[in-house]
């Protein structure tokens, strides 16, 4: 407690009976913006699953020279390791 100040009087709190507590718990107050109870939710509404995102393949493309001197283009999928070789 701070020196020089007297404590302020506190008003007594009214005690509730067990019946009043149970009645208040059985009938909760409506709160704006609160989520509805499970009983209030439409039974026909089914949860919507998000669509899977289509992941763009990571590809690399580069020119290479075969041992016989032919220039080719190599396309490689970095994720799967698949590659195609086409002549330029």
N, C-alpha and C. Protein backbone atom coordinates (compact mmCIF):
# COMPACT_ATOMS: atom_id res chain seq x y z
N UNK A 1 0.84 -1.16 0.00
CA UNK A 1 0.00 0.00 0.00
C UNK A 1 0.89 1.24 0.00
N UNK A 2 0.43 2.26 -0.70
CA UNK A 2 1.22 3.49 -0.76
C UNK A 2 1.08 4.25 0.55
N UNK A 3 2.12 4.90 0.94
CA UNK A 3 2.09 5.66 2.18
C UNK A 3 1.26 6.92 2.02
N UNK A 4 0.55 7.29 3.06
CA UNK A 4 -0.20 8.53 3.06
C UNK A 4 -1.60 8.40 2.48
N UNK A 5 -1.95 7.26 1.85
CA UNK A 5 -3.28 7.10 1.29
C UNK A 5 -4.00 5.99 2.03
N UNK A 6 -5.22 6.25 2.32
CA UNK A 6 -6.03 5.23 2.97
C UNK A 6 -6.66 4.35 1.89
N UNK A 7 -6.89 3.11 2.22
CA UNK A 7 -7.51 2.18 1.28
C UNK A 7 -8.96 2.60 1.05
N UNK A 8 -9.39 2.51 -0.21
CA UNK A 8 -10.76 2.87 -0.53
C UNK A 8 -11.67 1.74 -0.11
N UNK A 9 -12.84 2.06 0.41
CA UNK A 9 -13.75 0.99 0.81
C UNK A 9 -14.28 0.24 -0.41
N UNK A 10 -14.45 -1.05 -0.24
CA UNK A 10 -14.95 -1.91 -1.31
C UNK A 10 -16.35 -2.33 -0.95
N UNK A 11 -17.27 -2.19 -1.92
CA UNK A 11 -18.64 -2.58 -1.65
C UNK A 11 -18.73 -4.11 -1.66
N UNK A 12 -19.54 -4.67 -0.77
CA UNK A 12 -19.67 -6.12 -0.73
C UNK A 12 -20.35 -6.63 -2.00
N UNK A 13 -19.93 -7.81 -2.44
CA UNK A 13 -20.48 -8.44 -3.64
C UNK A 13 -21.66 -9.30 -3.21
N UNK A 14 -22.75 -9.18 -3.95
CA UNK A 14 -23.93 -9.98 -3.64
C UNK A 14 -23.66 -11.43 -4.05
N UNK A 15 -23.83 -12.33 -3.15
CA UNK A 15 -23.59 -13.73 -3.46
C UNK A 15 -24.82 -14.31 -4.12
N UNK A 16 -24.59 -15.15 -5.13
CA UNK A 16 -25.68 -15.79 -5.86
C UNK A 16 -25.93 -17.18 -5.29
N UNK A 17 -27.18 -17.56 -5.33
CA UNK A 17 -27.51 -18.92 -4.87
C UNK A 17 -27.13 -19.92 -5.96
N UNK A 18 -27.07 -21.17 -5.62
CA UNK A 18 -26.71 -22.23 -6.57
C UNK A 18 -27.73 -22.29 -7.71
N UNK A 19 -29.00 -22.05 -7.41
CA UNK A 19 -30.05 -22.07 -8.43
C UNK A 19 -29.84 -20.94 -9.44
N UNK A 20 -29.45 -19.77 -8.95
CA UNK A 20 -29.21 -18.64 -9.84
C UNK A 20 -28.01 -18.89 -10.75
N UNK A 21 -26.99 -19.53 -10.20
CA UNK A 21 -25.80 -19.84 -10.99
C UNK A 21 -26.15 -20.86 -12.07
N UNK A 22 -26.91 -21.91 -11.71
CA UNK A 22 -27.30 -22.93 -12.68
C UNK A 22 -28.20 -22.34 -13.76
N UNK A 23 -29.11 -21.45 -13.38
CA UNK A 23 -30.01 -20.83 -14.35
C UNK A 23 -29.22 -19.96 -15.33
N UNK A 24 -28.23 -19.25 -14.85
CA UNK A 24 -27.41 -18.40 -15.71
C UNK A 24 -26.57 -19.25 -16.67
N UNK A 25 -26.10 -20.40 -16.20
CA UNK A 25 -25.29 -21.27 -17.04
C UNK A 25 -26.15 -21.95 -18.10
N UNK A 26 -27.41 -22.26 -17.78
CA UNK A 26 -28.30 -22.92 -18.72
C UNK A 26 -28.78 -21.97 -19.81
N UNK A 27 -28.82 -20.70 -19.56
CA UNK A 27 -29.32 -19.72 -20.52
C UNK A 27 -28.23 -18.67 -20.76
N UNK A 28 -27.18 -19.01 -21.56
CA UNK A 28 -26.10 -18.04 -21.76
C UNK A 28 -26.58 -16.85 -22.59
N UNK A 29 -26.00 -15.72 -22.34
CA UNK A 29 -26.37 -14.49 -23.05
C UNK A 29 -25.89 -14.59 -24.49
N UNK A 30 -26.67 -14.02 -25.39
CA UNK A 30 -26.28 -13.96 -26.80
C UNK A 30 -25.19 -12.91 -26.96
N UNK A 31 -24.14 -13.26 -27.65
CA UNK A 31 -23.05 -12.34 -27.91
C UNK A 31 -22.99 -12.12 -29.40
N UNK A 32 -23.04 -10.86 -29.82
CA UNK A 32 -23.02 -10.56 -31.24
C UNK A 32 -21.67 -10.96 -31.81
N UNK A 33 -21.70 -11.69 -32.93
CA UNK A 33 -20.47 -12.12 -33.57
C UNK A 33 -19.97 -13.45 -33.04
N UNK A 34 -20.62 -14.02 -32.03
CA UNK A 34 -20.18 -15.31 -31.50
C UNK A 34 -20.62 -16.42 -32.44
N UNK A 35 -19.91 -17.51 -32.42
CA UNK A 35 -20.27 -18.64 -33.27
C UNK A 35 -21.52 -19.32 -32.73
N UNK A 36 -22.39 -19.80 -33.62
CA UNK A 36 -23.62 -20.45 -33.17
C UNK A 36 -23.33 -21.81 -32.55
N UNK A 37 -24.27 -22.27 -31.72
CA UNK A 37 -24.15 -23.60 -31.14
C UNK A 37 -24.29 -24.64 -32.24
N UNK A 38 -23.87 -25.85 -31.95
CA UNK A 38 -23.96 -26.92 -32.93
C UNK A 38 -25.40 -27.19 -33.33
N UNK A 39 -26.34 -27.01 -32.41
CA UNK A 39 -27.75 -27.24 -32.71
C UNK A 39 -28.29 -26.18 -33.68
N UNK A 40 -27.71 -24.99 -33.68
CA UNK A 40 -28.18 -23.91 -34.53
C UNK A 40 -27.62 -23.98 -35.94
N UNK A 41 -26.59 -24.77 -36.15
CA UNK A 41 -25.95 -24.88 -37.46
C UNK A 41 -26.82 -25.73 -38.36
N UNK A 42 -26.97 -25.32 -39.60
CA UNK A 42 -27.77 -26.06 -40.56
C UNK A 42 -27.16 -27.44 -40.77
N UNK A 43 -27.96 -28.47 -40.59
CA UNK A 43 -27.48 -29.85 -40.72
C UNK A 43 -27.11 -30.18 -42.17
N UNK A 44 -27.76 -29.52 -43.14
CA UNK A 44 -27.50 -29.83 -44.54
C UNK A 44 -26.16 -29.27 -45.01
N UNK A 45 -25.65 -28.28 -44.34
CA UNK A 45 -24.38 -27.68 -44.75
C UNK A 45 -23.23 -28.63 -44.44
N UNK A 46 -22.49 -28.98 -45.47
CA UNK A 46 -21.35 -29.87 -45.29
C UNK A 46 -20.08 -29.05 -45.38
N UNK A 47 -19.04 -29.48 -44.69
CA UNK A 47 -17.79 -28.72 -44.75
C UNK A 47 -17.22 -28.74 -46.17
N UNK A 48 -16.67 -27.62 -46.57
CA UNK A 48 -16.09 -27.49 -47.89
C UNK A 48 -14.60 -27.74 -47.79
N UNK A 49 -14.13 -28.70 -48.57
CA UNK A 49 -12.69 -28.99 -48.56
C UNK A 49 -12.01 -28.06 -49.55
N UNK A 50 -10.88 -27.49 -49.18
CA UNK A 50 -10.19 -26.60 -50.10
C UNK A 50 -9.64 -27.39 -51.28
N UNK A 51 -9.62 -26.74 -52.44
CA UNK A 51 -9.09 -27.39 -53.63
C UNK A 51 -7.58 -27.50 -53.49
N UNK A 52 -7.02 -28.64 -53.88
CA UNK A 52 -5.56 -28.76 -53.79
C UNK A 52 -4.91 -27.79 -54.78
N UNK A 53 -3.87 -27.16 -54.32
CA UNK A 53 -3.18 -26.20 -55.18
C UNK A 53 -2.34 -26.96 -56.19
N UNK A 54 -2.42 -26.49 -57.43
CA UNK A 54 -1.63 -27.11 -58.48
C UNK A 54 -0.23 -26.51 -58.43
N UNK A 55 0.74 -27.37 -58.18
CA UNK A 55 2.11 -26.91 -58.03
C UNK A 55 2.78 -26.96 -59.40
N UNK A 56 3.32 -25.84 -59.80
CA UNK A 56 4.00 -25.77 -61.07
C UNK A 56 5.33 -26.53 -60.95
N UNK A 57 5.59 -27.39 -61.94
CA UNK A 57 6.81 -28.19 -61.91
C UNK A 57 8.03 -27.29 -62.02
N UNK A 58 9.05 -27.64 -61.28
CA UNK A 58 10.31 -26.89 -61.36
C UNK A 58 11.15 -27.53 -62.45
N UNK A 59 11.37 -26.78 -63.53
CA UNK A 59 12.08 -27.30 -64.69
C UNK A 59 13.34 -26.49 -64.93
N UNK A 60 14.33 -27.18 -65.47
CA UNK A 60 15.53 -26.48 -65.93
C UNK A 60 15.77 -26.88 -67.38
N UNK A 61 16.22 -25.93 -68.17
CA UNK A 61 16.48 -26.17 -69.59
C UNK A 61 17.87 -25.63 -69.91
N UNK A 62 18.64 -26.45 -70.64
CA UNK A 62 19.97 -26.00 -71.03
C UNK A 62 20.39 -26.69 -72.32
N UNK A 63 21.33 -26.06 -73.02
CA UNK A 63 21.89 -26.63 -74.24
C UNK A 63 23.06 -27.51 -73.89
N UNK A 64 23.24 -28.57 -74.66
CA UNK A 64 24.37 -29.47 -74.46
C UNK A 64 24.84 -29.94 -75.83
N UNK A 65 26.04 -30.48 -75.87
CA UNK A 65 26.60 -30.99 -77.11
C UNK A 65 26.87 -32.47 -76.94
N UNK A 66 26.34 -33.28 -77.88
CA UNK A 66 26.60 -34.73 -77.85
C UNK A 66 28.03 -34.99 -78.32
N UNK A 67 28.53 -36.18 -78.02
CA UNK A 67 29.91 -36.50 -78.44
C UNK A 67 30.13 -36.40 -79.95
N UNK A 68 29.04 -36.60 -80.75
CA UNK A 68 29.20 -36.50 -82.21
C UNK A 68 29.11 -35.06 -82.71
N UNK A 69 28.92 -34.07 -81.78
CA UNK A 69 28.90 -32.66 -82.14
C UNK A 69 27.50 -32.09 -82.33
N UNK A 70 26.45 -32.88 -82.17
CA UNK A 70 25.08 -32.41 -82.33
C UNK A 70 24.69 -31.57 -81.10
N UNK A 71 24.09 -30.40 -81.35
CA UNK A 71 23.63 -29.54 -80.26
C UNK A 71 22.20 -29.97 -79.90
N UNK A 72 21.96 -30.18 -78.61
CA UNK A 72 20.64 -30.61 -78.14
C UNK A 72 20.18 -29.70 -77.00
N UNK A 73 18.87 -29.74 -76.76
CA UNK A 73 18.28 -29.01 -75.64
C UNK A 73 17.82 -30.05 -74.62
N UNK A 74 18.28 -29.91 -73.39
CA UNK A 74 17.91 -30.84 -72.32
C UNK A 74 16.92 -30.12 -71.41
N UNK A 75 15.75 -30.76 -71.18
CA UNK A 75 14.77 -30.24 -70.23
C UNK A 75 14.67 -31.25 -69.11
N UNK A 76 14.87 -30.78 -67.86
CA UNK A 76 14.88 -31.68 -66.72
C UNK A 76 13.90 -31.18 -65.66
N UNK A 77 13.06 -32.11 -65.15
CA UNK A 77 12.18 -31.82 -64.03
C UNK A 77 13.01 -32.01 -62.76
N UNK A 78 13.21 -30.95 -62.02
CA UNK A 78 14.07 -31.00 -60.84
C UNK A 78 13.46 -31.88 -59.76
N UNK A 79 12.12 -31.88 -59.63
CA UNK A 79 11.47 -32.65 -58.57
C UNK A 79 11.49 -34.15 -58.83
N UNK A 80 11.24 -34.57 -60.08
CA UNK A 80 11.14 -36.01 -60.37
C UNK A 80 12.39 -36.58 -61.01
N UNK A 81 13.24 -35.73 -61.57
CA UNK A 81 14.45 -36.22 -62.21
C UNK A 81 14.21 -36.61 -63.67
N UNK A 82 12.97 -36.50 -64.16
CA UNK A 82 12.67 -36.82 -65.56
C UNK A 82 13.37 -35.83 -66.46
N UNK A 83 13.85 -36.31 -67.61
CA UNK A 83 14.47 -35.39 -68.54
C UNK A 83 14.18 -35.81 -69.97
N UNK A 84 14.11 -34.81 -70.85
CA UNK A 84 13.92 -35.06 -72.28
C UNK A 84 15.05 -34.37 -73.02
N UNK A 85 15.47 -34.99 -74.11
CA UNK A 85 16.54 -34.43 -74.93
C UNK A 85 15.99 -34.28 -76.35
N UNK A 86 16.04 -33.06 -76.88
CA UNK A 86 15.60 -32.81 -78.26
C UNK A 86 16.71 -32.09 -79.00
N UNK A 87 16.80 -32.40 -80.31
CA UNK A 87 17.83 -31.75 -81.12
C UNK A 87 17.40 -30.33 -81.42
N UNK A 88 18.38 -29.46 -81.48
CA UNK A 88 18.10 -28.03 -81.70
C UNK A 88 18.02 -27.75 -83.17
